[in-house]
Structures are given as structure tokens and as C-alpha cells.
Amino acid sequence: MEVHLEKHRMSVWDILFHCVRQWYAVHQERVELNCEELGIRRYFSTPYYSQFNGQVEAVNKIIKYTLKKKLKFVKGGWAEELHETLWSYRTTSQTETGKISFVMTFGTEAMILVEMGILSK
């Protein structure tokens, strides 16, 4: 592949993309045969972005609503309330899945450490 830098301005990524595309076009049949021989099933899919199905917006709406409710009683100071709001969201069961997002993320129940003092007589 020849690249004429004077006529066409190409970035390094453009050049790499064209090199990989040309390599794959030449070796595609060999790659497919190797996968077939080794029993490898190839799947092609598009990346998943949670923004596309509105999940991020829905979560932000819930967090914003909860913060507004808390700030009615505590005027200002939203930065201090944000931590508690996020904790409450992460440890509350979601209706779509019926599970707590903390459990789905970390694989364990959320626990609050409590210090106890026992007085002896």
C-alpha cells in the first residue's frame, strides 16, 4: 500500500486501519479455515453502550429525584448528601431485576460495620 502524504493527509490510525483491513482481506480464508479446524466459533456483534437504551438517564433521574427530596430538609450541601444518596440507590432492590445493584456488581451483600461497646460491671 502506498501512501502519498502530500496529496492525502492520513493519521497513523488511518494507515493502521487500512493495513489491517488489507491483511484480513488477503488472509480471511486462512483465518476461517483455522477457526474451523480448531473448532472456534466466531461471533460478530456491536459493542453495548448503556447510554443508547436510556439506562444512564433513568439512573440519573432517580438519583436527582432522591437528592432533591433530601435537600428539601438540608438546604444546600448536596455534595455531602450525594454519598448517602448513591449508597441508598446501590443498596436498594431494583424493580427490573429484583436484585440490589451492589450484589450484581460485587457479588456479595452490602454490610455496614458497627462498633459495639459492652460495659462490664
C-alpha atoms as a PDB file:
ATOM      1  CA  MET A   1       0.000   0.000   0.000  1.00  0.00           C
ATOM      2  CA  GLU A   2       1.359   3.373  -0.992  1.00  0.00           C
ATOM      3  CA  VAL A   3       0.562   6.476   0.985  1.00  0.00           C
ATOM      4  CA  HIS A   4       1.155   9.856  -0.605  1.00  0.00           C
ATOM      5  CA  LEU A   5       1.374  12.256   2.297  1.00  0.00           C
ATOM      6  CA  GLU A   6       1.478  15.310   0.035  1.00  0.00           C
ATOM      7  CA  LYS A   7      -1.862  14.503  -1.625  1.00  0.00           C
ATOM      8  CA  HIS A   8      -3.745  12.867   1.251  1.00  0.00           C
ATOM      9  CA  ARG A   9      -3.309  13.614   4.901  1.00  0.00           C
ATOM     10  CA  MET A  10      -3.707  10.349   6.804  1.00  0.00           C
ATOM     11  CA  SER A  11      -3.359   9.785  10.506  1.00  0.00           C
ATOM     12  CA  VAL A  12      -1.472   6.845  11.959  1.00  0.00           C
ATOM     13  CA  TRP A  13      -4.828   5.246  12.809  1.00  0.00           C
ATOM     14  CA  ASP A  14      -5.995   5.538   9.200  1.00  0.00           C
ATOM     15  CA  ILE A  15      -2.836   3.830   7.997  1.00  0.00           C
ATOM     16  CA  LEU A  16      -3.146   1.055  10.603  1.00  0.00           C
ATOM     17  CA  PHE A  17      -6.819   0.558   9.743  1.00  0.00           C
ATOM     18  CA  HIS A  18      -6.029   0.169   6.046  1.00  0.00           C
ATOM     19  CA  CYS A  19      -3.134  -2.215   6.775  1.00  0.00           C
ATOM     20  CA  VAL A  20      -5.288  -4.439   8.989  1.00  0.00           C
ATOM     21  CA  ARG A  21      -8.153  -4.348   6.504  1.00  0.00           C
ATOM     22  CA  GLN A  22      -5.842  -5.360   3.652  1.00  0.00           C
ATOM     23  CA  TRP A  23      -4.214  -8.108   5.743  1.00  0.00           C
ATOM     24  CA  TYR A  24      -7.598  -9.531   6.677  1.00  0.00           C
ATOM     25  CA  ALA A  25      -8.821  -9.416   3.067  1.00  0.00           C
ATOM     26  CA  VAL A  26      -5.765 -11.449   1.986  1.00  0.00           C
ATOM     27  CA  HIS A  27      -5.798 -13.903   4.917  1.00  0.00           C
ATOM     28  CA  GLN A  28      -9.549 -14.145   5.600  1.00  0.00           C
ATOM     29  CA  GLU A  29      -9.870 -17.600   4.079  1.00  0.00           C
ATOM     30  CA  ARG A  30      -6.919 -18.905   6.119  1.00  0.00           C
ATOM     31  CA  VAL A  31      -8.357 -17.439   9.328  1.00  0.00           C
ATOM     32  CA  GLU A  32     -11.727 -19.060   8.647  1.00  0.00           C
ATOM     33  CA  LEU A  33     -10.095 -22.447   7.922  1.00  0.00           C
ATOM     34  CA  ASN A  34      -8.004 -22.278  11.117  1.00  0.00           C
ATOM     35  CA  CYS A  35     -11.085 -21.450  13.172  1.00  0.00           C
ATOM     36  CA  GLU A  36     -12.961 -24.327  11.577  1.00  0.00           C
ATOM     37  CA  GLU A  37     -10.103 -26.794  12.237  1.00  0.00           C
ATOM     38  CA  LEU A  38      -9.756 -25.706  15.861  1.00  0.00           C
ATOM     39  CA  GLY A  39     -13.499 -25.716  16.487  1.00  0.00           C
ATOM     40  CA  ILE A  40     -13.622 -21.984  17.181  1.00  0.00           C
ATOM     41  CA  ARG A  41     -16.990 -20.353  16.625  1.00  0.00           C
ATOM     42  CA  ARG A  42     -16.706 -16.702  15.713  1.00  0.00           C
ATOM     43  CA  TYR A  43     -19.394 -14.244  16.697  1.00  0.00           C
ATOM     44  CA  PHE A  44     -19.745 -10.750  15.391  1.00  0.00           C
ATOM     45  CA  SER A  45     -21.574  -8.168  17.434  1.00  0.00           C
ATOM     46  CA  THR A  46     -21.698  -4.486  18.106  1.00  0.00           C
ATOM     47  CA  PRO A  47     -20.463  -3.025  21.402  1.00  0.00           C
ATOM     48  CA  TYR A  48     -23.077  -2.399  24.095  1.00  0.00           C
ATOM     49  CA  TYR A  49     -23.487   1.143  25.343  1.00  0.00           C
ATOM     50  CA  SER A  50     -25.893   1.653  28.222  1.00  0.00           C
ATOM     51  CA  GLN A  51     -26.479   5.237  27.060  1.00  0.00           C
ATOM     52  CA  PHE A  52     -28.320   4.007  23.959  1.00  0.00           C
ATOM     53  CA  ASN A  53     -31.161   2.345  25.811  1.00  0.00           C
ATOM     54  CA  GLY A  54     -31.665   5.188  28.273  1.00  0.00           C
ATOM     55  CA  GLN A  55     -30.334   3.283  31.291  1.00  0.00           C
ATOM     56  CA  VAL A  56     -27.932   6.042  32.310  1.00  0.00           C
ATOM     57  CA  GLU A  57     -30.626   8.695  32.010  1.00  0.00           C
ATOM     58  CA  ALA A  58     -33.041   6.598  34.090  1.00  0.00           C
ATOM     59  CA  VAL A  59     -30.496   6.106  36.891  1.00  0.00           C
ATOM     60  CA  ASN A  60     -29.545   9.784  36.852  1.00  0.00           C
ATOM     61  CA  LYS A  61     -33.234  10.729  37.083  1.00  0.00           C
ATOM     62  CA  ILE A  62     -33.694   8.549  40.185  1.00  0.00           C
ATOM     63  CA  ILE A  63     -30.549   9.914  41.858  1.00  0.00           C
ATOM     64  CA  LYS A  64     -31.541  13.504  41.030  1.00  0.00           C
ATOM     65  CA  TYR A  65     -35.056  12.952  42.423  1.00  0.00           C
ATOM     66  CA  THR A  66     -33.666  11.440  45.652  1.00  0.00           C
ATOM     67  CA  LEU A  67     -31.186  14.294  46.073  1.00  0.00           C
ATOM     68  CA  LYS A  68     -33.943  16.883  45.612  1.00  0.00           C
ATOM     69  CA  LYS A  69     -36.040  15.184  48.312  1.00  0.00           C
ATOM     70  CA  LYS A  70     -33.106  15.165  50.756  1.00  0.00           C
ATOM     71  CA  LEU A  71     -32.159  18.760  50.003  1.00  0.00           C
ATOM     72  CA  LYS A  72     -35.648  19.981  50.959  1.00  0.00           C
ATOM     73  CA  PHE A  73     -34.673  19.334  54.570  1.00  0.00           C
ATOM     74  CA  VAL A  74     -30.965  20.142  54.273  1.00  0.00           C
ATOM     75  CA  LYS A  75     -30.661  23.370  52.330  1.00  0.00           C
ATOM     76  CA  GLY A  76     -27.522  23.311  50.192  1.00  0.00           C
ATOM     77  CA  GLY A  77     -24.738  20.857  50.854  1.00  0.00           C
ATOM     78  CA  TRP A  78     -25.646  18.486  48.016  1.00  0.00           C
ATOM     79  CA  ALA A  79     -22.043  17.223  47.902  1.00  0.00           C
ATOM     80  CA  GLU A  80     -22.379  15.828  51.440  1.00  0.00           C
ATOM     81  CA  GLU A  81     -25.729  14.201  50.603  1.00  0.00           C
ATOM     82  CA  LEU A  82     -24.529  12.665  47.318  1.00  0.00           C
ATOM     83  CA  HIS A  83     -22.592   9.856  49.033  1.00  0.00           C
ATOM     84  CA  GLU A  84     -25.624   8.767  51.065  1.00  0.00           C
ATOM     85  CA  THR A  85     -27.906   9.027  48.026  1.00  0.00           C
ATOM     86  CA  LEU A  86     -25.618   6.847  45.913  1.00  0.00           C
ATOM     87  CA  TRP A  87     -25.295   4.326  48.765  1.00  0.00           C
ATOM     88  CA  SER A  88     -29.075   4.133  49.142  1.00  0.00           C
ATOM     89  CA  TYR A  89     -29.513   3.625  45.387  1.00  0.00           C
ATOM     90  CA  ARG A  90     -26.863   0.907  45.244  1.00  0.00           C
ATOM     91  CA  THR A  91     -28.293  -0.990  48.218  1.00  0.00           C
ATOM     92  CA  THR A  92     -31.979  -0.791  47.246  1.00  0.00           C
ATOM     93  CA  SER A  93     -33.635  -3.558  45.242  1.00  0.00           C
ATOM     94  CA  GLN A  94     -34.325  -2.540  41.651  1.00  0.00           C
ATOM     95  CA  THR A  95     -37.729  -3.463  40.251  1.00  0.00           C
ATOM     96  CA  GLU A  96     -36.429  -4.534  36.826  1.00  0.00           C
ATOM     97  CA  THR A  97     -34.133  -7.248  38.165  1.00  0.00           C
ATOM     98  CA  GLY A  98     -35.393  -7.703  41.711  1.00  0.00           C
ATOM     99  CA  LYS A  99     -31.776  -7.563  42.847  1.00  0.00           C
ATOM    100  CA  ILE A 100     -29.613  -4.995  44.542  1.00  0.00           C
ATOM    101  CA  SER A 101     -27.124  -3.364  42.152  1.00  0.00           C
ATOM    102  CA  PHE A 102     -24.401  -3.714  44.816  1.00  0.00           C
ATOM    103  CA  VAL A 103     -24.879  -7.503  44.783  1.00  0.00           C
ATOM    104  CA  MET A 104     -24.804  -7.624  40.985  1.00  0.00           C
ATOM    105  CA  THR A 105     -21.600  -5.571  40.918  1.00  0.00           C
ATOM    106  CA  PHE A 106     -19.645  -7.091  43.798  1.00  0.00           C
ATOM    107  CA  GLY A 107     -21.322 -10.493  44.227  1.00  0.00           C
ATOM    108  CA  THR A 108     -21.922 -10.024  47.949  1.00  0.00           C
ATOM    109  CA  GLU A 109     -24.424  -8.302  50.223  1.00  0.00           C
ATOM    110  CA  ALA A 110     -23.665  -4.775  51.363  1.00  0.00           C
ATOM    111  CA  MET A 111     -22.751  -4.628  55.057  1.00  0.00           C
ATOM    112  CA  ILE A 112     -22.495  -1.735  57.427  1.00  0.00           C
ATOM    113  CA  LEU A 113     -19.803  -2.097  60.037  1.00  0.00           C
ATOM    114  CA  VAL A 114     -20.995  -1.374  63.546  1.00  0.00           C
ATOM    115  CA  GLU A 115     -18.768  -0.883  66.566  1.00  0.00           C
ATOM    116  CA  MET A 116     -20.230  -2.167  69.805  1.00  0.00           C
ATOM    117  CA  GLY A 117     -19.051  -1.473  73.264  1.00  0.00           C
ATOM    118  CA  ILE A 118     -20.111  -3.678  76.168  1.00  0.00           C
ATOM    119  CA  LEU A 119     -19.787  -2.237  79.621  1.00  0.00           C
ATOM    120  CA  SER A 120     -18.736  -4.623  82.347  1.00  0.00           C
ATOM    121  CA  LYS A 121     -19.759  -4.212  85.972  1.00  0.00           C
END
